[in-house]
Amino acid sequence: MWDNNTFGVYRETKDSFIFSLKNGNIQKSILSRVKEPKKALYYYKKIFQNYCGPYFGHFYMYSDQSNFTLDCESGSFDYGIYEKPIRTSGNFSIIDYEVFKVNRKTK
């Protein structure tokens, strides 16, 4: 669960996943579920939040210009926190991203 008042720590969730749609081709898309729930999400310190977006285990968003589409500073590394990386290596720009919170139905 995202919390704007928490920073500089990892947050645990066993339900986290990341995915990448490869040029709209669903067969080449990647879905990666969390393997290490204690490191599923990282909250950056407030002084970095103008430059850093969500950090999901090994997938991070960063921009010197506070705009992920203008530079190639975001990256992905395989630290084994999620099942598989959604990028092979290197830095890249991000055109669009969404963060969802899924609530379970209560009976």
Protein backbone atom coordinates (compact mmCIF):
# COMPACT_ATOMS: atom_id res chain seq x y z
CA MET A 1 0.00 0.00 0.00
CA TRP A 2 1.43 3.42 -0.98
CA ASP A 3 1.81 5.95 1.82
CA ASN A 4 3.05 9.50 1.09
CA ASN A 5 4.01 9.97 4.75
CA THR A 6 6.44 7.03 4.78
CA PHE A 7 9.90 7.30 3.25
CA GLY A 8 13.35 5.72 3.21
CA VAL A 9 12.03 2.19 3.91
CA TYR A 10 10.83 -0.95 2.16
CA ARG A 11 7.20 -2.00 2.48
CA GLU A 12 5.92 -5.55 2.46
CA THR A 13 3.18 -6.95 0.26
CA LYS A 14 2.74 -10.45 -1.10
CA ASP A 15 0.29 -9.31 -3.80
CA SER A 16 2.53 -6.92 -5.77
CA PHE A 17 3.30 -7.43 -9.45
CA ILE A 18 4.76 -5.43 -12.33
CA PHE A 19 4.11 -5.84 -16.02
CA SER A 20 5.18 -4.52 -19.39
CA LEU A 21 3.07 -4.47 -22.55
CA LYS A 22 5.40 -4.97 -25.49
CA ASN A 23 4.17 -2.63 -28.24
CA GLY A 24 0.60 -3.73 -27.64
CA ASN A 25 1.48 -7.39 -28.37
CA ILE A 26 -0.06 -9.38 -25.50
CA GLN A 27 1.93 -12.55 -26.39
CA LYS A 28 5.25 -10.72 -25.82
CA SER A 29 4.12 -8.96 -22.64
CA ILE A 30 5.75 -9.73 -19.29
CA LEU A 31 4.03 -10.25 -15.93
CA SER A 32 6.30 -10.53 -12.89
CA ARG A 33 5.01 -11.29 -9.37
CA VAL A 34 6.90 -10.47 -6.19
CA LYS A 35 9.13 -13.25 -4.76
CA GLU A 36 10.47 -11.31 -1.75
CA PRO A 37 7.42 -9.60 -0.21
CA LYS A 38 9.48 -7.68 2.39
CA LYS A 39 11.17 -5.70 -0.43
CA ALA A 40 8.19 -5.36 -2.79
CA LEU A 41 8.01 -1.54 -2.59
CA TYR A 42 10.54 1.10 -1.64
CA TYR A 43 9.62 4.60 -0.49
CA TYR A 44 12.19 7.25 -1.41
CA LYS A 45 13.05 9.99 1.07
CA LYS A 46 10.94 13.11 0.54
CA ILE A 47 13.89 15.13 -0.81
CA PHE A 48 14.10 12.68 -3.76
CA GLN A 49 10.38 12.40 -4.54
CA ASN A 50 10.51 15.16 -7.20
CA TYR A 51 12.95 12.98 -9.18
CA CYS A 52 12.02 9.43 -8.23
CA GLY A 53 8.87 7.53 -9.02
CA PRO A 54 7.79 4.15 -7.68
CA TYR A 55 10.52 1.59 -6.93
CA PHE A 56 9.38 -2.01 -7.27
CA GLY A 57 12.18 -4.28 -6.08
CA HIS A 58 14.46 -3.98 -9.10
CA PHE A 59 12.46 -1.61 -11.29
CA TYR A 60 12.94 2.08 -10.56
CA MET A 61 11.80 5.36 -12.08
CA TYR A 62 14.11 8.38 -12.06
CA SER A 63 14.30 11.70 -13.91
CA ASP A 64 16.58 14.72 -13.36
CA GLN A 65 13.87 16.81 -15.04
CA SER A 66 10.89 15.43 -13.06
CA ASN A 67 9.54 14.04 -16.34
CA PHE A 68 10.17 10.35 -17.10
CA THR A 69 9.61 10.87 -20.86
CA LEU A 70 12.40 13.48 -21.30
CA ASP A 71 15.44 11.45 -20.30
CA CYS A 72 16.61 7.85 -20.12
CA GLU A 73 17.34 7.61 -16.41
CA SER A 74 14.87 4.91 -15.32
CA GLY A 75 16.21 1.38 -15.05
CA SER A 76 15.72 -2.24 -14.19
CA PHE A 77 18.09 -4.76 -12.60
CA ASP A 78 17.48 -8.38 -11.70
CA TYR A 79 17.90 -8.59 -7.91
CA GLY A 80 15.55 -11.57 -7.63
CA ILE A 81 12.89 -9.62 -5.72
CA TYR A 82 10.35 -10.16 -8.51
CA GLU A 83 10.06 -13.32 -10.64
CA LYS A 84 11.69 -11.75 -13.70
CA PRO A 85 12.76 -8.31 -14.90
CA ILE A 86 10.37 -6.50 -17.22
CA ARG A 87 13.37 -5.01 -19.05
CA THR A 88 16.58 -6.81 -19.98
CA SER A 89 19.07 -4.12 -18.94
CA GLY A 90 20.11 -0.52 -19.29
CA ASN A 91 18.32 2.75 -18.78
CA PHE A 92 15.21 3.90 -20.61
CA SER A 93 12.52 6.57 -20.67
CA ILE A 94 8.95 5.87 -19.61
CA ILE A 95 6.06 7.06 -21.72
CA ASP A 96 3.23 6.10 -19.37
CA TYR A 97 2.73 4.28 -16.09
CA GLU A 98 -0.09 3.58 -13.68
CA VAL A 99 -0.14 2.41 -10.08
CA PHE A 100 -3.22 0.58 -8.86
CA LYS A 101 -4.42 -0.55 -5.48
CA VAL A 102 -6.62 -3.62 -5.63
CA ASN A 103 -8.99 -4.11 -2.70
CA ARG A 104 -10.32 -7.54 -1.88
CA LYS A 105 -14.06 -7.91 -1.52
CA THR A 106 -15.27 -8.44 1.99
CA LYS A 107 -18.14 -10.81 2.59
